[in-house]
């Protein structure tokens, strides 16, 4: 037995204590069923365990599924129905979309295409430090639609490119020279990640969860498509990507302003990679085909008969990569993050779904709505308060998925009840769900990787996050507000 693999005692005790407190001590509120309240106890306990990292999130999700089945909170007295409910998340197409897309993104690393894209943009724009920064940003943007693991994208693909450039200029934490260029590039490397994550459904794993929560909250009256999301995020997202390197350049100016060696480094690395090989061309072709299908181009060209579900498109892409030999079954089996995502998404979506079905989310939303209604604000003012509270509460979360699962549905339902246009509110909260990752060094999986490389201090990281949170929210409100008005969303 390995003690390091056992649950951590303090966070486990806190999670168990919270669950028992809600289940046994706190009275069930009026208009809430005992089953809903008991499921809330299990849900809060699970979220607390995730935040406290009592166990890996996949392992916690297995425990949560078992507890839902054992306690029969979804169907009292019906054990067969309870286990069917507990496992119902695995039949959700959106969960499979992300799991399959994560498997597909393995091809970017295996073939070297991801690194090639990064070095290409550095070679193109790398004469000045600001140009290098925009090269990193463009690299993030290009691969974001097909890398649902934002951690893999920012931490495993872009971060090594960024570190190579910093090393060329003798900028490293070990030498105490990170202020030369490394600090600035590390902050750009990270803060591009939340923005690109907000721009596509398939750019970070929790985004499809949002689509699912919105559809369930509106009885499928609002179903956000891949193209609709991307179009809505296009202008505000690009504006943020343009402004972010400039803001950081002003906030933490690098000592080195001109970087001719960066271009030389990128060209050297591209030379090492050699000409594009067949697996890279195949991967590029498959990813391009998937983007066209996700964007609905076949439907626009040839009609509704050629419309494909987004998850079907992902299965087609993975099948093509397997049939062409770019990926093999061993690659799929080794894609741990994909299987991990499948398990924990299934558990959290299942619990969130039944909290809605049992009426708990509606009750909580009504409580929020009543509190804001007392302020006498219109729907715009109410939406602003909801977004700000939702956004800055991420200081208390170490998991974006846990935050979204815990709060999104209730805040969305409350906003709709206060008069906000459902599609507009859904998109604003959805974009905020990714942008809030910029706040802390633990806000998403990418953060510990880049922060842990030592190029910035904690104070520098948090200051950058706080400043950019204001900039991004202003862009979302101003640029997004005008853009969505033109699109007819309100």
Protein backbone atom coordinates (compact mmCIF):
# COMPACT_ATOMS: atom_id res chain seq x y z
CA UNK A 1 0.00 0.00 0.00
CA UNK A 2 1.36 3.41 -0.98
CA UNK A 3 0.41 6.08 1.61
CA UNK A 4 0.86 8.85 -0.97
CA UNK A 5 -2.05 7.36 -2.94
CA UNK A 6 -4.47 7.48 0.00
CA UNK A 7 -6.99 10.33 0.38
CA UNK A 8 -5.58 13.42 2.09
CA UNK A 9 -6.97 13.48 5.61
CA UNK A 10 -7.73 17.19 6.14
CA UNK A 11 -9.56 17.93 2.86
CA UNK A 12 -11.31 14.55 3.10
CA UNK A 13 -12.50 15.37 6.62
CA UNK A 14 -13.70 18.82 5.52
CA UNK A 15 -15.59 17.34 2.55
CA UNK A 16 -17.18 14.61 4.68
CA UNK A 17 -18.04 17.12 7.39
CA UNK A 18 -19.77 19.46 4.96
CA UNK A 19 -21.75 16.60 3.42
CA UNK A 20 -22.89 15.31 6.82
CA UNK A 21 -23.69 18.84 8.02
CA UNK A 22 -26.05 19.44 5.11
CA UNK A 23 -27.53 15.92 5.18
CA UNK A 24 -28.06 15.54 8.96
CA UNK A 25 -27.96 18.94 10.66
CA UNK A 26 -29.23 21.74 8.42
CA UNK A 27 -33.03 21.57 8.08
CA UNK A 28 -34.42 20.95 4.61
CA UNK A 29 -35.74 24.32 3.36
CA UNK A 30 -39.35 24.79 2.39
CA UNK A 31 -40.06 24.00 -1.27
CA UNK A 32 -37.06 21.64 -1.41
CA UNK A 33 -37.52 17.86 -1.35
CA UNK A 34 -35.42 15.72 1.03
CA UNK A 35 -33.98 13.86 -1.98
CA UNK A 36 -32.80 17.12 -3.57
CA UNK A 37 -31.27 18.26 -0.27
CA UNK A 38 -29.44 14.97 0.24
CA UNK A 39 -28.10 15.06 -3.32
CA UNK A 40 -26.90 18.61 -2.59
CA UNK A 41 -25.02 17.22 0.42
CA UNK A 42 -23.26 14.68 -1.80
CA UNK A 43 -22.59 17.33 -4.43
CA UNK A 44 -21.12 19.89 -1.99
CA UNK A 45 -18.99 17.19 -0.42
CA UNK A 46 -17.68 16.20 -3.85
CA UNK A 47 -16.93 19.81 -4.85
CA UNK A 48 -15.16 20.45 -1.52
CA UNK A 49 -13.05 17.32 -2.03
CA UNK A 50 -12.16 18.47 -5.57
CA UNK A 51 -11.19 21.96 -4.36
CA UNK A 52 -9.14 20.48 -1.51
CA UNK A 53 -7.60 17.86 -3.84
CA UNK A 54 -8.45 15.10 -1.41
CA UNK A 55 -8.01 12.60 -4.25
CA UNK A 56 -7.59 12.85 -8.03
CA UNK A 57 -10.79 14.17 -9.54
CA UNK A 58 -11.43 10.93 -11.45
CA UNK A 59 -11.20 8.87 -8.27
CA UNK A 60 -13.52 11.27 -6.44
CA UNK A 61 -16.00 10.97 -9.29
CA UNK A 62 -16.06 7.17 -8.96
CA UNK A 63 -16.86 7.59 -5.27
CA UNK A 64 -19.58 10.15 -6.07
CA UNK A 65 -21.23 7.80 -8.60
CA UNK A 66 -21.17 4.99 -6.03
CA UNK A 67 -22.72 7.21 -3.33
CA UNK A 68 -25.53 8.39 -5.62
CA UNK A 69 -26.34 4.76 -6.42
CA UNK A 70 -26.09 3.55 -2.79
CA UNK A 71 -28.18 6.35 -1.27
CA UNK A 72 -30.79 6.17 -4.06
CA UNK A 73 -31.34 9.93 -3.80
CA UNK A 74 -32.55 10.12 -7.41
CA UNK A 75 -35.01 7.20 -7.13
CA UNK A 76 -35.73 6.17 -3.53
CA UNK A 77 -36.47 2.48 -3.11
CA UNK A 78 -35.45 1.62 -6.67
CA UNK A 79 -31.85 0.36 -6.70
CA UNK A 80 -31.91 -0.55 -10.42
CA UNK A 81 -33.14 2.93 -11.32
CA UNK A 82 -30.63 4.57 -8.96
CA UNK A 83 -27.60 2.93 -10.57
CA UNK A 84 -28.99 3.73 -14.03
CA UNK A 85 -29.26 7.38 -12.97
CA UNK A 86 -25.77 7.36 -11.45
CA UNK A 87 -24.29 6.09 -14.73
CA UNK A 88 -26.45 8.26 -17.01
CA UNK A 89 -23.67 10.80 -17.57
CA UNK A 90 -21.74 8.30 -19.68
CA UNK A 91 -24.45 8.44 -22.35
CA UNK A 92 -24.04 12.20 -22.79
CA UNK A 93 -22.72 13.03 -26.32
CA UNK A 94 -21.06 16.27 -25.17
CA UNK A 95 -18.92 14.40 -22.66
CA UNK A 96 -17.75 12.08 -25.42
CA UNK A 97 -17.05 15.08 -27.67
CA UNK A 98 -14.41 16.36 -25.26
CA UNK A 99 -12.94 12.93 -24.49
CA UNK A 100 -12.55 12.13 -28.19
CA UNK A 101 -11.20 15.59 -28.99
CA UNK A 102 -8.53 15.17 -26.29
CA UNK A 103 -7.52 11.89 -27.93
CA UNK A 104 -7.32 13.64 -31.32
CA UNK A 105 -5.12 16.40 -29.91
CA UNK A 106 -2.48 13.74 -29.11
CA UNK A 107 -1.68 13.86 -32.84
CA UNK A 108 -0.47 17.47 -32.49
CA UNK A 109 2.22 16.37 -30.06
CA UNK A 110 3.04 13.00 -31.60
CA UNK A 111 3.58 14.36 -35.12
CA UNK A 112 5.31 17.57 -33.96
CA UNK A 113 2.70 19.69 -35.75
CA UNK A 114 1.92 21.69 -32.60
CA UNK A 115 5.56 22.71 -32.05
CA UNK A 116 5.96 23.44 -35.78
CA UNK A 117 3.03 25.87 -35.67
CA UNK A 118 4.50 27.62 -32.62
CA UNK A 119 7.97 28.04 -34.10
CA UNK A 120 6.51 29.12 -37.43
CA UNK A 121 4.78 32.11 -35.86
CA UNK A 122 7.90 32.98 -33.85
CA UNK A 123 9.95 32.91 -37.07
CA UNK A 124 7.36 35.13 -38.72
CA UNK A 125 6.98 37.74 -35.96
CA UNK A 126 10.03 37.29 -33.72
CA UNK A 127 12.21 40.34 -34.50
CA UNK A 128 10.95 42.17 -31.40
CA UNK A 129 9.85 40.95 -27.99
CA UNK A 130 6.32 42.14 -28.65
CA UNK A 131 6.37 40.20 -31.91
CA UNK A 132 7.46 37.05 -30.06
CA UNK A 133 4.54 37.57 -27.68
CA UNK A 134 2.08 37.80 -30.56
CA UNK A 135 3.68 34.70 -32.08
CA UNK A 136 2.84 32.79 -28.89
CA UNK A 137 -0.68 34.23 -28.95
CA UNK A 138 -1.27 33.22 -32.57
CA UNK A 139 0.06 29.73 -31.88
CA UNK A 140 -2.46 29.39 -29.01
CA UNK A 141 -5.27 30.68 -31.20
CA UNK A 142 -4.57 28.38 -34.15
CA UNK A 143 -4.51 25.16 -32.14
CA UNK A 144 -7.19 26.12 -29.59
CA UNK A 145 -10.23 24.82 -31.55
CA UNK A 146 -8.80 21.30 -31.63
CA UNK A 147 -7.15 21.05 -28.18
CA UNK A 148 -9.87 20.79 -25.53
CA UNK A 149 -7.21 20.35 -22.90
CA UNK A 150 -6.17 23.95 -22.30
CA UNK A 151 -3.51 22.56 -19.96
CA UNK A 152 -1.96 20.51 -22.77
CA UNK A 153 -2.13 23.48 -25.13
CA UNK A 154 -0.64 26.15 -22.87
CA UNK A 155 1.52 23.95 -20.68
CA UNK A 156 2.75 21.10 -22.90
CA UNK A 157 2.85 22.67 -26.38
CA UNK A 158 3.34 26.45 -26.09
CA UNK A 159 5.29 26.63 -22.81
CA UNK A 160 8.35 24.66 -24.04
CA UNK A 161 8.54 26.99 -27.06
CA UNK A 162 8.41 30.02 -24.74
CA UNK A 163 11.12 28.60 -22.46
CA UNK A 164 13.41 27.88 -25.41
CA UNK A 165 13.19 31.52 -26.47
CA UNK A 166 13.86 32.80 -22.94
CA UNK A 167 16.90 30.52 -22.67
CA UNK A 168 18.39 31.92 -25.89
CA UNK A 169 18.45 35.36 -24.27
CA UNK A 170 19.89 34.09 -20.99
CA UNK A 171 16.66 34.75 -19.13
CA UNK A 172 16.01 32.10 -16.50
CA UNK A 173 14.92 31.85 -12.86
CA UNK A 174 18.09 29.89 -12.04
CA UNK A 175 20.25 32.85 -13.12
CA UNK A 176 17.92 35.43 -11.57
CA UNK A 177 17.53 37.03 -15.00
CA UNK A 178 13.84 36.35 -15.62
CA UNK A 179 13.13 40.06 -15.99
CA UNK A 180 15.13 40.18 -19.22
CA UNK A 181 12.32 38.57 -21.21
CA UNK A 182 11.20 35.37 -19.49
CA UNK A 183 8.78 36.96 -17.00
CA UNK A 184 6.95 38.85 -19.73
CA UNK A 185 6.73 35.88 -22.10
CA UNK A 186 5.58 33.54 -19.30
CA UNK A 187 2.73 35.89 -18.42
CA UNK A 188 1.76 36.18 -22.11
CA UNK A 189 2.03 32.40 -22.46
CA UNK A 190 -0.43 31.92 -19.61
CA UNK A 191 -2.88 34.77 -20.16
CA UNK A 192 -3.46 33.84 -23.79
CA UNK A 193 -4.75 30.50 -22.52
CA UNK A 194 -7.97 31.68 -20.77
CA UNK A 195 -8.84 33.93 -23.73
CA UNK A 196 -8.48 31.23 -26.38
CA UNK A 197 -10.33 28.85 -24.05
CA UNK A 198 -13.29 31.23 -24.14
CA UNK A 199 -13.36 31.41 -27.94
CA UNK A 200 -14.38 27.86 -28.90
CA UNK A 201 -16.57 25.15 -27.38
CA UNK A 202 -13.74 22.70 -28.03
CA UNK A 203 -10.94 24.87 -26.55
CA UNK A 204 -11.35 23.72 -22.96
CA UNK A 205 -13.08 20.73 -21.41
CA UNK A 206 -15.74 22.52 -19.30
CA UNK A 207 -17.26 24.44 -22.26
CA UNK A 208 -19.50 21.57 -23.43
CA UNK A 209 -20.70 21.26 -19.83
CA UNK A 210 -21.94 24.85 -20.11
CA UNK A 211 -23.75 24.04 -23.36
CA UNK A 212 -25.41 21.11 -21.60
CA UNK A 213 -26.42 23.15 -18.53
CA UNK A 214 -27.93 25.90 -20.70
CA UNK A 215 -29.90 23.41 -22.79
CA UNK A 216 -31.28 21.69 -19.69
CA UNK A 217 -32.13 24.99 -17.98
CA UNK A 218 -34.13 26.16 -21.01
CA UNK A 219 -35.67 22.80 -21.96
CA UNK A 220 -33.51 22.86 -25.12
CA UNK A 221 -34.92 26.25 -26.18
CA UNK A 222 -31.32 27.54 -26.22
CA UNK A 223 -28.86 25.13 -27.80
CA UNK A 224 -25.52 26.79 -28.52
CA UNK A 225 -23.79 25.40 -31.61
CA UNK A 226 -20.04 25.34 -32.19
CA UNK A 227 -20.31 28.00 -34.90
CA UNK A 228 -22.62 30.20 -32.85
CA UNK A 229 -20.22 30.17 -29.90
CA UNK A 230 -17.19 30.89 -32.11
CA UNK A 231 -18.93 33.75 -33.91
CA UNK A 232 -20.09 35.35 -30.67
CA UNK A 233 -16.57 35.14 -29.20
CA UNK A 234 -14.75 36.22 -32.36
CA UNK A 235 -14.57 40.01 -32.02
CA UNK A 236 -14.23 40.36 -28.22
CA UNK A 237 -11.78 37.44 -28.15
CA UNK A 238 -9.55 38.93 -30.84
CA UNK A 239 -9.68 42.32 -29.10
CA UNK A 240 -8.50 40.69 -25.85
CA UNK A 241 -5.70 38.85 -27.63
CA UNK A 242 -4.50 42.13 -29.18
CA UNK A 243 -4.66 44.08 -25.90
CA UNK A 244 -3.28 41.48 -23.49
CA UNK A 245 0.39 41.52 -24.64
CA UNK A 246 0.32 45.33 -24.71
CA UNK A 247 -1.08 45.57 -21.18
CA UNK A 248 1.54 43.15 -19.85
CA UNK A 249 4.27 44.98 -21.79
CA UNK A 250 3.30 48.15 -19.93
CA UNK A 251 2.81 46.39 -16.59
CA UNK A 252 6.01 44.31 -16.62
CA UNK A 253 8.22 45.66 -19.44
CA UNK A 254 10.93 43.23 -20.54
CA UNK A 255 14.52 44.50 -20.40
CA UNK A 256 15.14 43.11 -23.89
CA UNK A 257 13.02 44.84 -26.53
CA UNK A 258 14.60 43.53 -29.75
CA UNK A 259 14.90 39.78 -30.33
CA UNK A 260 16.54 38.89 -33.64
CA UNK A 261 17.87 35.70 -32.02
CA UNK A 262 14.30 34.48 -31.44
CA UNK A 263 13.66 34.36 -35.15
CA UNK A 264 16.95 32.53 -35.65
CA UNK A 265 16.08 30.04 -32.90
CA UNK A 266 12.67 29.35 -34.43
CA UNK A 267 14.20 28.80 -37.86
CA UNK A 268 16.80 26.45 -36.35
CA UNK A 269 14.09 24.42 -34.62
CA UNK A 270 12.06 24.29 -37.83
CA UNK A 271 15.15 23.05 -39.63
CA UNK A 272 15.54 20.31 -37.01
CA UNK A 273 11.94 19.30 -37.59
CA UNK A 274 12.64 19.10 -41.32
CA UNK A 275 9.98 19.33 -44.03
CA UNK A 276 6.43 18.44 -43.08
CA UNK A 277 5.91 14.71 -43.10
CA UNK A 278 2.89 12.70 -44.18
CA UNK A 279 1.49 12.28 -40.63
CA UNK A 280 1.58 16.07 -40.17
CA UNK A 281 -0.23 16.68 -43.45
CA UNK A 282 -2.84 14.07 -42.56
CA UNK A 283 -3.31 15.57 -39.08
CA UNK A 284 -3.61 19.06 -40.54
CA UNK A 285 -6.15 17.83 -43.09
CA UNK A 286 -8.23 15.98 -40.51
CA UNK A 287 -8.25 18.95 -38.13
CA UNK A 288 -9.23 21.28 -40.97
CA UNK A 289 -12.05 18.95 -42.00
CA UNK A 290 -13.32 18.78 -38.42
CA UNK A 291 -13.32 22.56 -38.10
CA UNK A 292 -15.32 22.88 -41.32
CA UNK A 293 -17.87 20.35 -40.08
CA UNK A 294 -18.07 21.93 -36.60
CA UNK A 295 -18.63 25.33 -38.23
CA UNK A 296 -21.53 23.90 -40.26
CA UNK A 297 -19.96 24.53 -43.69
CA UNK A 298 -21.28 21.29 -45.31
CA UNK A 299 -24.79 22.21 -44.17
CA UNK A 300 -24.45 25.71 -45.63
CA UNK A 301 -23.18 24.33 -48.95
CA UNK A 302 -25.34 21.27 -49.46
CA UNK A 303 -28.29 21.53 -47.07
CA UNK A 304 -29.61 19.97 -43.86
CA UNK A 305 -29.01 16.40 -45.10
CA UNK A 306 -25.28 16.97 -44.50
CA UNK A 307 -25.65 18.31 -40.97
CA UNK A 308 -23.61 16.32 -38.47
CA UNK A 309 -23.66 16.32 -34.70
CA UNK A 310 -20.49 17.83 -33.19
CA UNK A 311 -19.69 14.58 -31.37
CA UNK A 312 -20.16 12.59 -34.59
CA UNK A 313 -17.61 14.90 -36.22
CA UNK A 314 -15.12 14.14 -33.43
CA UNK A 315 -15.62 10.38 -33.91
CA UNK A 316 -15.03 10.81 -37.65
CA UNK A 317 -11.79 12.71 -36.99
CA UNK A 318 -10.48 10.10 -34.56
CA UNK A 319 -11.44 7.28 -36.94
CA UNK A 320 -9.53 8.92 -39.81
CA UNK A 321 -6.41 9.35 -37.67
CA UNK A 322 -6.60 5.67 -36.67
CA UNK A 323 -7.28 4.44 -40.22
CA UNK A 324 -4.34 6.42 -41.61
CA UNK A 325 -1.97 5.22 -38.87
CA UNK A 326 -1.25 8.70 -37.49
CA UNK A 327 -2.54 7.41 -34.17
CA UNK A 328 -2.69 3.79 -33.04
CA UNK A 329 -4.70 2.14 -30.31
CA UNK A 330 -1.78 2.37 -27.87
CA UNK A 331 -1.86 6.17 -28.28
CA UNK A 332 -5.55 6.15 -27.38
CA UNK A 333 -5.02 3.91 -24.36
CA UNK A 334 -2.21 6.17 -23.14
CA UNK A 335 -4.36 9.32 -23.44
CA UNK A 336 -4.98 9.36 -19.68
CA UNK A 337 -6.46 12.84 -19.61
CA UNK A 338 -9.16 11.77 -22.10
CA UNK A 339 -10.31 8.82 -20.00
CA UNK A 340 -9.99 10.88 -16.82
CA UNK A 341 -12.14 13.62 -18.37
CA UNK A 342 -14.75 11.08 -19.45
CA UNK A 343 -15.15 9.78 -15.88
CA UNK A 344 -15.24 13.04 -13.94
CA UNK A 345 -17.41 14.82 -16.49
CA UNK A 346 -19.92 11.98 -16.42
CA UNK A 347 -20.15 12.17 -12.62
CA UNK A 348 -20.43 15.95 -12.33
CA UNK A 349 -22.89 16.31 -15.21
CA UNK A 350 -25.02 13.54 -13.72
CA UNK A 351 -25.16 15.23 -10.32
CA UNK A 352 -25.82 18.68 -11.79
CA UNK A 353 -28.57 17.26 -14.00
CA UNK A 354 -30.43 15.66 -11.12
CA UNK A 355 -30.05 18.74 -8.92
CA UNK A 356 -32.00 20.48 -11.66
CA UNK A 357 -34.56 17.70 -12.07
CA UNK A 358 -35.18 17.53 -8.33
CA UNK A 359 -35.78 21.29 -8.15
CA UNK A 360 -32.75 22.38 -6.12
CA UNK A 361 -31.25 24.62 -8.82
CA UNK A 362 -34.58 26.36 -9.36
CA UNK A 363 -34.92 27.04 -5.63
CA UNK A 364 -31.36 28.42 -5.38
CA UNK A 365 -31.87 30.56 -8.48
CA UNK A 366 -35.08 31.94 -6.99
CA UNK A 367 -33.18 32.91 -3.84
CA UNK A 368 -30.53 34.76 -5.89
CA UNK A 369 -33.20 36.38 -8.01
CA UNK A 370 -35.11 37.64 -4.97
CA UNK A 371 -31.98 39.18 -3.48
CA UNK A 372 -31.02 41.06 -6.66
CA UNK A 373 -34.60 42.08 -7.39
CA UNK A 374 -34.64 44.04 -4.13
CA UNK A 375 -32.00 46.36 -5.66
CA UNK A 376 -34.49 47.47 -8.30
CA UNK A 377 -32.06 47.14 -11.21
CA UNK A 378 -32.93 46.41 -14.83
CA UNK A 379 -31.74 43.21 -16.49
CA UNK A 380 -28.46 44.78 -17.58
CA UNK A 381 -27.54 45.84 -14.05
CA UNK A 382 -28.66 42.49 -12.68
CA UNK A 383 -26.56 40.66 -15.30
CA UNK A 384 -23.51 42.77 -14.42
CA UNK A 385 -23.82 41.83 -10.72
CA UNK A 386 -24.30 38.15 -11.53
CA UNK A 387 -21.26 38.08 -13.84
CA UNK A 388 -19.00 39.93 -11.39
CA UNK A 389 -19.93 37.70 -8.44
CA UNK A 390 -19.60 34.57 -10.57
CA UNK A 391 -16.26 35.72 -12.05
CA UNK A 392 -14.45 36.83 -8.89
CA UNK A 393 -15.66 33.91 -6.81
CA UNK A 394 -13.08 31.92 -8.82
CA UNK A 395 -10.52 33.07 -6.25
CA UNK A 396 -12.05 30.33 -4.09
CA UNK A 397 -11.84 27.58 -6.72
CA UNK A 398 -8.90 25.50 -7.92
CA UNK A 399 -11.01 23.84 -10.61
CA UNK A 400 -12.90 25.60 -13.37
CA UNK A 401 -15.13 22.57 -13.78
CA UNK A 402 -15.99 22.52 -10.08
CA UNK A 403 -16.81 26.24 -10.21
CA UNK A 404 -19.04 25.88 -13.27
CA UNK A 405 -20.80 22.81 -11.91
CA UNK A 406 -21.42 24.47 -8.56
CA UNK A 407 -22.63 27.89 -9.73
CA UNK A 408 -23.38 28.23 -13.44
CA UNK A 409 -26.89 26.78 -13.62
CA UNK A 410 -28.21 28.75 -10.65
CA UNK A 411 -26.73 32.06 -11.84
CA UNK A 412 -28.00 31.50 -15.37
CA UNK A 413 -31.51 30.61 -14.18
CA UNK A 414 -31.59 33.65 -11.88
CA UNK A 415 -30.46 35.97 -14.68
CA UNK A 416 -33.14 34.71 -17.05
CA UNK A 417 -35.77 35.21 -14.37
CA UNK A 418 -34.54 38.79 -13.93
CA UNK A 419 -35.16 39.49 -17.61
CA UNK A 420 -31.80 38.86 -19.29
CA UNK A 421 -32.01 37.44 -22.85
CA UNK A 422 -31.20 33.73 -22.36
CA UNK A 423 -28.73 33.33 -25.25
CA UNK A 424 -26.86 36.53 -24.40
CA UNK A 425 -26.65 35.64 -20.70
CA UNK A 426 -25.50 32.10 -21.50
CA UNK A 427 -22.68 33.36 -23.71
CA UNK A 428 -21.51 36.06 -21.29
CA UNK A 429 -21.37 33.62 -18.37
CA UNK A 430 -19.73 31.03 -20.65
CA UNK A 431 -16.96 33.40 -21.70
CA UNK A 432 -16.50 34.56 -18.10
CA UNK A 433 -16.09 30.89 -17.12
CA UNK A 434 -12.82 30.73 -19.08
CA UNK A 435 -11.61 34.30 -18.55
CA UNK A 436 -11.75 33.92 -14.77
CA UNK A 437 -8.89 31.39 -15.01
CA UNK A 438 -6.50 34.37 -15.33
CA UNK A 439 -6.95 35.39 -11.68
CA UNK A 440 -4.71 33.00 -9.75
CA UNK A 441 -1.80 30.58 -10.01
CA UNK A 442 -4.18 27.69 -9.25
CA UNK A 443 -7.18 28.72 -11.37
CA UNK A 444 -6.73 25.96 -13.98
CA UNK A 445 -4.29 23.18 -14.79
CA UNK A 446 -2.13 25.38 -17.03
CA UNK A 447 -1.36 27.82 -14.21
CA UNK A 448 0.78 25.60 -11.93
CA UNK A 449 2.89 24.49 -14.91
CA UNK A 450 3.82 28.00 -16.03
CA UNK A 451 3.92 29.58 -12.57
CA UNK A 452 5.95 26.62 -11.33
CA UNK A 453 8.65 27.33 -13.92
CA UNK A 454 9.63 30.26 -11.70
CA UNK A 455 9.62 33.20 -14.09
CA UNK A 456 7.22 35.30 -11.99
CA UNK A 457 6.60 35.95 -8.32
CA UNK A 458 3.21 35.29 -6.75
CA UNK A 459 2.59 39.03 -6.44
CA UNK A 460 3.41 39.62 -10.12
CA UNK A 461 1.13 36.78 -11.21
CA UNK A 462 -1.84 37.91 -9.11
CA UNK A 463 -1.37 41.56 -10.10
CA UNK A 464 -1.32 40.64 -13.78
CA UNK A 465 -4.42 38.49 -13.27
CA UNK A 466 -6.31 41.24 -11.46
CA UNK A 467 -5.46 43.89 -14.07
CA UNK A 468 -6.28 41.64 -17.01
CA UNK A 469 -9.54 40.55 -15.39
CA UNK A 470 -10.69 44.18 -15.49
CA UNK A 471 -9.44 44.66 -19.07
CA UNK A 472 -11.08 41.45 -20.29
CA UNK A 473 -14.40 42.18 -18.59
CA UNK A 474 -14.44 45.70 -20.05
CA UNK A 475 -13.75 44.31 -23.52
CA UNK A 476 -16.45 41.71 -22.99
CA UNK A 477 -18.94 44.42 -21.99
CA UNK A 478 -18.03 47.08 -24.57
CA UNK A 479 -16.78 45.24 -27.65
CA UNK A 480 -18.93 42.21 -26.94
CA UNK A 481 -21.98 44.36 -26.24
CA UNK A 482 -21.74 46.09 -29.62
CA UNK A 483 -20.93 42.84 -31.45
CA UNK A 484 -23.82 40.90 -29.93
CA UNK A 485 -26.21 43.75 -30.67
CA UNK A 486 -25.20 43.52 -34.33
CA UNK A 487 -25.72 39.75 -34.19
CA UNK A 488 -29.22 40.33 -32.80
CA UNK A 489 -28.71 38.60 -29.46
CA UNK A 490 -30.56 41.38 -27.58
